[in-house]
C-alpha atoms as a PDB file:
ATOM      1  CA  PRO A   1     -57.438  -3.711  10.924  1.00  0.00           C
ATOM      2  CA  SER A   2     -54.115  -5.324  11.846  1.00  0.00           C
ATOM      3  CA  ALA A   3     -50.884  -4.839   9.958  1.00  0.00           C
ATOM      4  CA  SER A   4     -49.852  -7.853   7.915  1.00  0.00           C
ATOM      5  CA  PRO A   5     -46.222  -8.965   7.882  1.00  0.00           C
ATOM      6  CA  SER A   6     -44.145  -7.817   4.946  1.00  0.00           C
ATOM      7  CA  SER A   7     -43.601 -10.442   2.277  1.00  0.00           C
ATOM      8  CA  ALA A   8     -40.315  -8.874   1.122  1.00  0.00           C
ATOM      9  CA  PRO A   9     -37.250 -10.974   2.033  1.00  0.00           C
ATOM     10  CA  THR A  10     -34.980  -9.557   4.692  1.00  0.00           C
ATOM     11  CA  PRO A  11     -31.602  -8.677   3.148  1.00  0.00           C
ATOM     12  CA  LEU A  12     -28.636 -10.592   4.519  1.00  0.00           C
ATOM     13  CA  PRO A  13     -25.977  -8.594   6.365  1.00  0.00           C
ATOM     14  CA  PRO A  14     -22.581  -8.301   4.679  1.00  0.00           C
ATOM     15  CA  PRO A  15     -20.170 -11.118   5.515  1.00  0.00           C
ATOM     16  CA  ALA A  16     -18.229 -10.553   8.729  1.00  0.00           C
ATOM     17  CA  LEU A  17     -14.461 -10.480   8.813  1.00  0.00           C
ATOM     18  CA  GLN A  18     -13.311 -13.331  11.077  1.00  0.00           C
ATOM     19  CA  PRO A  19      -9.578 -13.079  11.749  1.00  0.00           C
ATOM     20  CA  THR A  20      -7.990 -16.164  13.295  1.00  0.00           C
ATOM     21  CA  TYR A  21      -5.052 -15.589  15.630  1.00  0.00           C
ATOM     22  CA  LEU A  22      -2.152 -17.782  14.470  1.00  0.00           C
ATOM     23  CA  GLY A  23       0.382 -16.780  17.103  1.00  0.00           C
ATOM     24  CA  CYS A  24       3.413 -14.682  17.898  1.00  0.00           C
ATOM     25  CA  PHE A  25       6.260 -15.049  15.415  1.00  0.00           C
ATOM     26  CA  ARG A  26       9.830 -13.768  15.097  1.00  0.00           C
ATOM     27  CA  ASP A  27      10.794 -11.348  12.335  1.00  0.00           C
ATOM     28  CA  THR A  28      13.983  -9.732  11.042  1.00  0.00           C
ATOM     29  CA  GLY A  29      14.617  -6.290   9.613  1.00  0.00           C
ATOM     30  CA  SER A  30      16.424  -7.575   6.524  1.00  0.00           C
ATOM     31  CA  ASP A  31      14.085 -10.420   5.533  1.00  0.00           C
ATOM     32  CA  ARG A  32      10.520  -9.677   6.581  1.00  0.00           C
ATOM     33  CA  ALA A  33       8.219 -12.630   7.226  1.00  0.00           C
ATOM     34  CA  LEU A  34       5.267 -10.679   5.784  1.00  0.00           C
ATOM     35  CA  SER A  35       6.786  -8.549   3.054  1.00  0.00           C
ATOM     36  CA  ILE A  36       4.199  -5.796   2.536  1.00  0.00           C
ATOM     37  CA  ARG A  37       4.504  -2.935   5.037  1.00  0.00           C
ATOM     38  CA  ILE A  38       1.497  -0.664   5.383  1.00  0.00           C
ATOM     39  CA  PRO A  39       2.736   2.912   6.017  1.00  0.00           C
ATOM     40  CA  GLY A  40       2.037   4.553   9.365  1.00  0.00           C
ATOM     41  CA  LYS A  41       1.162   3.229  12.790  1.00  0.00           C
ATOM     42  CA  MET A  42      -2.203   1.566  13.311  1.00  0.00           C
ATOM     43  CA  SER A  43      -4.414  -0.381  15.671  1.00  0.00           C
ATOM     44  CA  LEU A  44      -4.764  -4.132  15.387  1.00  0.00           C
ATOM     45  CA  ASP A  45      -8.287  -3.802  13.924  1.00  0.00           C
ATOM     46  CA  LYS A  46      -7.122  -1.289  11.315  1.00  0.00           C
ATOM     47  CA  CYS A  47      -4.140  -3.464  10.355  1.00  0.00           C
ATOM     48  CA  ILE A  48      -6.336  -6.531   9.825  1.00  0.00           C
ATOM     49  CA  SER A  49      -8.976  -4.663   7.831  1.00  0.00           C
ATOM     50  CA  THR A  50      -6.319  -2.893   5.707  1.00  0.00           C
ATOM     51  CA  CYS A  51      -4.562  -6.160   4.834  1.00  0.00           C
ATOM     52  CA  TYR A  52      -7.922  -7.762   4.009  1.00  0.00           C
ATOM     53  CA  SER A  53      -9.083  -4.911   1.789  1.00  0.00           C
ATOM     54  CA  SER A  54      -5.697  -5.017   0.020  1.00  0.00           C
ATOM     55  CA  GLY A  55      -6.266  -8.701  -0.838  1.00  0.00           C
ATOM     56  CA  TYR A  56      -3.877 -10.423   1.589  1.00  0.00           C
ATOM     57  CA  LYS A  57      -4.439 -13.624   3.611  1.00  0.00           C
ATOM     58  CA  TYR A  58      -2.316 -12.657   6.627  1.00  0.00           C
ATOM     59  CA  ALA A  59      -1.907  -9.556   8.784  1.00  0.00           C
ATOM     60  CA  GLY A  60       0.866  -9.049  11.307  1.00  0.00           C
ATOM     61  CA  ARG A  61       1.129  -6.205  13.820  1.00  0.00           C
ATOM     62  CA  GLN A  62       4.429  -5.595  15.538  1.00  0.00           C
ATOM     63  CA  TYR A  63       6.564  -3.128  17.454  1.00  0.00           C
ATOM     64  CA  LYS A  64       4.740   0.187  17.972  1.00  0.00           C
ATOM     65  CA  GLY A  65       1.839  -0.264  15.562  1.00  0.00           C
ATOM     66  CA  GLU A  66       3.691  -1.388  12.443  1.00  0.00           C
ATOM     67  CA  CYS A  67       1.457  -3.408  10.118  1.00  0.00           C
ATOM     68  CA  TYR A  68       2.627  -6.045   7.640  1.00  0.00           C
ATOM     69  CA  CYS A  69       0.586  -8.054   5.142  1.00  0.00           C
ATOM     70  CA  GLY A  70       1.291 -11.088   2.983  1.00  0.00           C
ATOM     71  CA  ASN A  71       0.035 -14.376   1.586  1.00  0.00           C
ATOM     72  CA  SER A  72       2.745 -16.664   2.966  1.00  0.00           C
ATOM     73  CA  GLY A  73       5.932 -16.821   5.021  1.00  0.00           C
ATOM     74  CA  TYR A  74       4.595 -15.468   8.321  1.00  0.00           C
ATOM     75  CA  ASN A  75       6.334 -18.295  10.244  1.00  0.00           C
ATOM     76  CA  LYS A  76       9.632 -18.506   8.329  1.00  0.00           C
ATOM     77  CA  HIS A  77      11.689 -17.169  11.280  1.00  0.00           C
ATOM     78  CA  GLY A  78       9.944 -19.387  13.836  1.00  0.00           C
ATOM     79  CA  ALA A  79       7.528 -18.864  16.675  1.00  0.00           C
ATOM     80  CA  SER A  80       8.119 -16.554  19.615  1.00  0.00           C
ATOM     81  CA  ASN A  81       6.500 -16.707  23.029  1.00  0.00           C
ATOM     82  CA  SER A  82       7.317 -13.151  24.025  1.00  0.00           C
ATOM     83  CA  CYS A  83       4.833 -10.900  22.204  1.00  0.00           C
ATOM     84  CA  ASN A  84       3.059  -8.337  24.317  1.00  0.00           C
ATOM     85  CA  ALA A  85      -0.721  -8.058  23.796  1.00  0.00           C
ATOM     86  CA  CYS A  86      -1.391  -7.669  20.061  1.00  0.00           C
ATOM     87  CA  ASP A  87      -3.405  -4.483  20.560  1.00  0.00           C
ATOM     88  CA  SER A  88      -0.880  -2.921  22.978  1.00  0.00           C
ATOM     89  CA  ALA A  89       1.189   0.183  22.277  1.00  0.00           C
ATOM     90  CA  ASN A  90       4.281  -1.994  21.739  1.00  0.00           C
ATOM     91  CA  VAL A  91       3.933  -5.622  20.633  1.00  0.00           C
ATOM     92  CA  GLY A  92       7.720  -6.071  20.750  1.00  0.00           C
ATOM     93  CA  ALA A  93      10.690  -5.499  18.480  1.00  0.00           C
ATOM     94  CA  TYR A  94      10.919  -8.021  15.616  1.00  0.00           C
ATOM     95  CA  LYS A  95       7.919  -9.914  16.993  1.00  0.00           C
ATOM     96  CA  SER A  96       4.666 -10.102  15.079  1.00  0.00           C
ATOM     97  CA  CYS A  97       1.128 -11.024  16.164  1.00  0.00           C
ATOM     98  CA  VAL A  98      -0.167 -12.793  13.060  1.00  0.00           C
ATOM     99  CA  TYR A  99      -3.783 -13.285  11.997  1.00  0.00           C
ATOM    100  CA  GLN A 100      -5.241 -15.250   9.117  1.00  0.00           C
ATOM    101  CA  ILE A 101      -8.025 -13.219   7.536  1.00  0.00           C
ATOM    102  CA  LEU A 102     -11.228 -15.075   6.660  1.00  0.00           C
ATOM    103  CA  LEU A 103     -14.790 -14.147   5.845  1.00  0.00           C
ATOM    104  CA  THR A 104     -17.772 -15.811   7.440  1.00  0.00           C
ATOM    105  CA  PRO A 105     -19.882 -17.071   4.520  1.00  0.00           C
ATOM    106  CA  THR A 106     -23.496 -15.987   4.248  1.00  0.00           C
ATOM    107  CA  ALA A 107     -26.392 -18.295   3.349  1.00  0.00           C
ATOM    108  CA  SER A 108     -26.737 -16.987  -0.200  1.00  0.00           C
ATOM    109  CA  SER A 109     -24.450 -14.315  -1.493  1.00  0.00           C
ATOM    110  CA  ASN A 110     -24.116 -13.575  -5.193  1.00  0.00           C
ATOM    111  CA  SER A 111     -22.080 -10.410  -4.814  1.00  0.00           C
ATOM    112  CA  SER A 112     -18.423  -9.788  -4.048  1.00  0.00           C
ATOM    113  CA  PRO A 113     -17.472  -9.736  -0.364  1.00  0.00           C
ATOM    114  CA  THR A 114     -17.350  -6.307   1.213  1.00  0.00           C
ATOM    115  CA  PRO A 115     -14.731  -5.581   3.887  1.00  0.00           C
ATOM    116  CA  ALA A 116     -16.357  -5.050   7.272  1.00  0.00           C
ATOM    117  CA  PRO A 117     -14.945  -3.393  10.383  1.00  0.00           C
ATOM    118  CA  VAL A 118     -13.137  -5.781  12.694  1.00  0.00           C
ATOM    119  CA  THR A 119     -13.896  -5.812  16.397  1.00  0.00           C
ATOM    120  CA  LEU A 120     -11.675  -7.864  18.680  1.00  0.00           C
ATOM    121  CA  PRO A 121     -11.714  -7.936  22.477  1.00  0.00           C
ATOM    122  CA  ASN A 122      -8.797  -6.250  24.248  1.00  0.00           C
ATOM    123  CA  GLY A 123      -5.884  -8.582  24.876  1.00  0.00           C
ATOM    124  CA  HIS A 124      -7.357 -11.190  22.486  1.00  0.00           C
ATOM    125  CA  CYS A 125      -3.930 -12.438  21.599  1.00  0.00           C
ATOM    126  CA  ALA A 126      -1.918 -11.727  24.717  1.00  0.00           C
ATOM    127  CA  ALA A 127       0.849 -14.280  25.013  1.00  0.00           C
ATOM    128  CA  THR A 128       0.400 -16.728  27.838  1.00  0.00           C
ATOM    129  CA  SER A 129       3.234 -18.227  29.786  1.00  0.00           C
END
């Protein structure tokens, strides 16, 4: 006797977090472009997933692992072309690598999106000259 295939539908995986790199932007200490600072120092992946799970559209990592979140204003101080790699130990003072946080839609999802871990290749957003 041979095993027959299961007739149960295969569950869809949770939606994947798909951050889009928007660029390197200037910031100031007195008027932050992204106004919500997440306490502590963190990796790029952790910053993006924390901003997403907190309900924000944008995540910015700067200096030595500082993470900022917000829904607008990331470009209000203009672009910069001097960010170090976004996942480096020091992105640069008053320079922010900014990502827009999106979910990849699934074929049929009736439940609320669940934050998923973010995996980005090293140097994904290194500034080019």
